[in-house]
Amino acid sequence: MGRNSAFDHAGNVAIALVAGAVGYIFSQRAVFLLVPVFAVLAGIAVLSIPAEAIDYNRARDLEPEPGAAESQSGVAGYGILFKSRPLVIFGLCVMLFHLANAALLPLVGQKLAAAYPKEATAMMSACIVAAQAVMLPIALLVGRTDDGWGRKPLFLVGFAILPIRAVLYTLHSLRQ
């Protein structure tokens, strides 16, 4: 999981660099022309996965894990997710985290774009590259340590960093 996440962040860095370069060299509007290009590339990547590589029963948790006594009788619906109180609480925390996190990067990019209007796309791209470049080694670290430390402390650290970032951004904004 950590390695997959690291590749995801590396891809985000590459896409942000390409978008920043296109926006800087051509125009901010030209960045939107990259959307169909990246959509086609994503489609090619998905279609290149051989059908034999997908275990549909395992993906639906239909086969028992090694050593399990009995298998499940069928595919569980989404309603099963709401029967686990810890899972519901975790889901709400993740939702709130993403709602808060999603606002911070555009706010920083907006401030930079206001200060440097001609390089607005490059500034936003730089914000994305910085965020993803930090997350890439973190993803590898989490992938290596989650079995030893457990997931709870790692999530707590991640959840704690967001309010610290938000306070630092607010204090920086108030100074200006």
Protein backbone atom coordinates (compact mmCIF):
# COMPACT_ATOMS: atom_id res chain seq x y z
CA MET A 1 0.00 0.00 0.00
CA GLY A 2 2.80 2.40 0.87
CA ARG A 3 4.58 1.76 -2.42
CA ASN A 4 1.35 2.21 -4.40
CA SER A 5 0.69 5.47 -2.57
CA ALA A 6 4.26 6.63 -3.28
CA PHE A 7 3.75 5.95 -6.99
CA ASP A 8 0.48 7.90 -6.80
CA HIS A 9 2.27 10.89 -5.27
CA ALA A 10 5.09 10.64 -7.81
CA GLY A 11 2.52 10.66 -10.61
CA ASN A 12 0.85 13.72 -9.08
CA VAL A 13 4.24 15.48 -9.00
CA ALA A 14 4.81 14.66 -12.68
CA ILE A 15 1.34 15.84 -13.71
CA ALA A 16 1.68 19.05 -11.68
CA LEU A 17 5.04 19.76 -13.30
CA VAL A 18 3.62 19.21 -16.77
CA ALA A 19 0.57 21.37 -16.00
CA GLY A 20 2.75 24.12 -14.53
CA ALA A 21 5.05 24.09 -17.54
CA VAL A 22 2.13 24.16 -20.00
CA GLY A 23 0.47 26.99 -18.08
CA TYR A 24 3.68 28.98 -17.89
CA ILE A 25 4.77 28.44 -21.52
CA PHE A 26 1.39 28.68 -23.27
CA SER A 27 -1.46 29.98 -21.13
CA GLN A 28 -3.50 29.14 -18.08
CA ARG A 29 -6.31 27.97 -20.34
CA ALA A 30 -4.02 25.49 -22.09
CA VAL A 31 -3.82 23.49 -18.86
CA PHE A 32 -7.43 22.39 -19.37
CA LEU A 33 -6.45 20.78 -22.68
CA LEU A 34 -4.34 18.35 -20.66
CA VAL A 35 -7.45 16.80 -19.09
CA PRO A 36 -8.43 14.69 -22.14
CA VAL A 37 -4.78 13.75 -22.72
CA PHE A 38 -4.40 12.46 -19.16
CA ALA A 39 -7.82 10.78 -19.33
CA VAL A 40 -6.74 8.82 -22.41
CA LEU A 41 -3.45 7.88 -20.74
CA ALA A 42 -5.33 6.71 -17.63
CA GLY A 43 -7.70 4.67 -19.80
CA ILE A 44 -4.75 3.02 -21.56
CA ALA A 45 -3.18 2.18 -18.19
CA VAL A 46 -6.41 0.59 -16.91
CA LEU A 47 -7.00 -1.34 -20.12
CA SER A 48 -3.43 -2.67 -20.00
CA ILE A 49 -4.24 -4.67 -16.84
CA PRO A 50 -4.69 -8.29 -17.92
CA ALA A 51 -8.07 -9.75 -16.96
CA GLU A 52 -6.35 -12.78 -15.42
CA ALA A 53 -4.60 -10.48 -12.92
CA ILE A 54 -7.92 -9.56 -11.28
CA ASP A 55 -9.33 -11.98 -8.73
CA TYR A 56 -12.98 -10.90 -8.61
CA ASN A 57 -13.86 -13.27 -5.74
CA ARG A 58 -11.06 -11.96 -3.57
CA ALA A 59 -11.94 -8.37 -4.44
CA ARG A 60 -15.47 -9.06 -3.15
CA ASP A 61 -14.14 -10.94 -0.10
CA LEU A 62 -15.90 -14.14 -1.18
CA GLU A 63 -13.03 -16.49 -0.46
CA PRO A 64 -11.96 -17.16 3.11
CA GLU A 65 -8.54 -16.07 4.25
CA PRO A 66 -6.06 -18.91 4.81
CA GLY A 67 -6.93 -20.65 8.06
CA ALA A 68 -10.51 -19.30 8.22
CA ALA A 69 -13.17 -21.83 9.23
CA GLU A 70 -15.93 -20.96 6.76
CA SER A 71 -16.59 -18.69 3.81
CA GLN A 72 -19.19 -15.97 3.51
CA SER A 73 -22.45 -16.81 1.81
CA GLY A 74 -22.50 -13.85 -0.57
CA VAL A 75 -21.39 -10.37 -1.40
CA ALA A 76 -21.96 -7.90 1.45
CA GLY A 77 -23.74 -4.66 0.59
CA TYR A 78 -22.73 -1.16 1.62
CA GLY A 79 -25.09 -1.35 4.59
CA ILE A 80 -22.60 -3.58 6.40
CA LEU A 81 -20.25 -0.61 6.67
CA PHE A 82 -22.68 1.27 8.92
CA LYS A 83 -22.94 -1.62 11.39
CA SER A 84 -19.42 -1.04 12.66
CA ARG A 85 -19.34 2.00 14.98
CA PRO A 86 -15.51 2.39 14.83
CA LEU A 87 -15.65 2.27 11.03
CA VAL A 88 -18.38 4.94 10.92
CA ILE A 89 -16.36 7.20 13.27
CA PHE A 90 -13.24 6.64 11.20
CA GLY A 91 -15.14 7.42 8.00
CA LEU A 92 -16.46 10.67 9.47
CA CYS A 93 -12.95 11.65 10.61
CA VAL A 94 -11.52 10.97 7.16
CA MET A 95 -14.34 12.94 5.52
CA LEU A 96 -13.77 15.94 7.81
CA PHE A 97 -10.01 15.66 7.28
CA HIS A 98 -10.40 15.82 3.51
CA LEU A 99 -12.91 18.67 3.67
CA ALA A 100 -10.45 20.70 5.75
CA ASN A 101 -7.37 19.61 3.82
CA ALA A 102 -8.90 20.34 0.41
CA ALA A 103 -9.33 24.02 1.28
CA LEU A 104 -5.76 24.74 2.41
CA LEU A 105 -3.83 24.18 -0.82
CA PRO A 106 -6.12 26.33 -3.01
CA LEU A 107 -5.93 29.13 -0.41
CA VAL A 108 -2.13 29.11 -0.52
CA GLY A 109 -2.21 28.94 -4.32
CA GLN A 110 -4.68 31.81 -4.43
CA LYS A 111 -2.40 34.01 -2.32
CA LEU A 112 0.57 33.18 -4.54
CA ALA A 113 -1.46 33.79 -7.71
CA ALA A 114 -2.52 37.20 -6.38
CA ALA A 115 1.11 38.07 -5.70
CA TYR A 116 2.36 36.70 -9.05
CA PRO A 117 -0.57 36.88 -11.52
CA LYS A 118 1.45 36.01 -14.63
CA GLU A 119 2.83 32.85 -13.02
CA ALA A 120 -0.42 31.77 -11.33
CA THR A 121 -0.47 28.30 -12.91
CA ALA A 122 3.19 27.73 -12.13
CA MET A 123 2.62 28.86 -8.52
CA MET A 124 -0.30 26.48 -8.04
CA SER A 125 1.74 23.71 -9.64
CA ALA A 126 4.59 24.46 -7.24
CA CYS A 127 2.17 24.15 -4.29
CA ILE A 128 1.02 20.74 -5.53
CA VAL A 129 4.58 19.57 -6.19
CA ALA A 130 5.67 20.63 -2.69
CA ALA A 131 2.74 18.86 -1.02
CA GLN A 132 3.15 15.67 -3.04
CA ALA A 133 6.95 15.66 -2.66
CA VAL A 134 6.48 15.66 1.12
CA MET A 135 3.89 12.88 0.95
CA LEU A 136 5.98 10.58 -1.26
CA PRO A 137 8.57 9.61 1.40
CA ILE A 138 5.86 9.66 4.08
CA ALA A 139 3.91 7.05 2.09
CA LEU A 140 6.98 4.83 1.90
CA LEU A 141 7.63 5.29 5.63
CA VAL A 142 4.04 4.44 6.53
CA GLY A 143 4.14 1.39 4.27
CA ARG A 144 7.20 0.12 6.09
CA THR A 145 6.11 0.92 9.65
CA ASP A 146 2.34 0.33 9.76
CA ASP A 147 2.66 -3.35 10.66
CA GLY A 148 5.09 -2.62 13.49
CA TRP A 149 3.50 0.53 14.93
CA GLY A 150 -0.08 -0.19 14.03
CA ARG A 151 -2.33 2.11 12.01
CA LYS A 152 -3.83 4.07 14.89
CA PRO A 153 -0.72 6.14 15.80
CA LEU A 154 -0.04 6.86 12.14
CA PHE A 155 -3.59 8.12 11.59
CA LEU A 156 -3.44 10.20 14.75
CA VAL A 157 -0.22 11.88 13.58
CA GLY A 158 -1.79 12.57 10.18
CA PHE A 159 -4.95 13.97 11.74
CA ALA A 160 -2.91 16.13 14.16
CA ILE A 161 -0.75 17.70 11.45
CA LEU A 162 -3.71 19.21 9.58
CA PRO A 163 -4.85 21.62 12.33
CA ILE A 164 -1.22 22.61 12.90
CA ARG A 165 -0.89 23.46 9.19
CA ALA A 166 -4.16 25.39 9.29
CA VAL A 167 -3.05 27.42 12.32
CA LEU A 168 0.32 28.17 10.73
CA TYR A 169 -1.40 29.30 7.52
CA THR A 170 -3.80 31.50 9.52
CA LEU A 171 -0.99 33.07 11.54
CA HIS A 172 0.99 33.72 8.35
CA SER A 173 -2.07 35.27 6.68
CA LEU A 174 -2.70 37.54 9.67
CA ARG A 175 0.85 38.86 9.53
CA GLN A 176 0.41 40.14 6.01
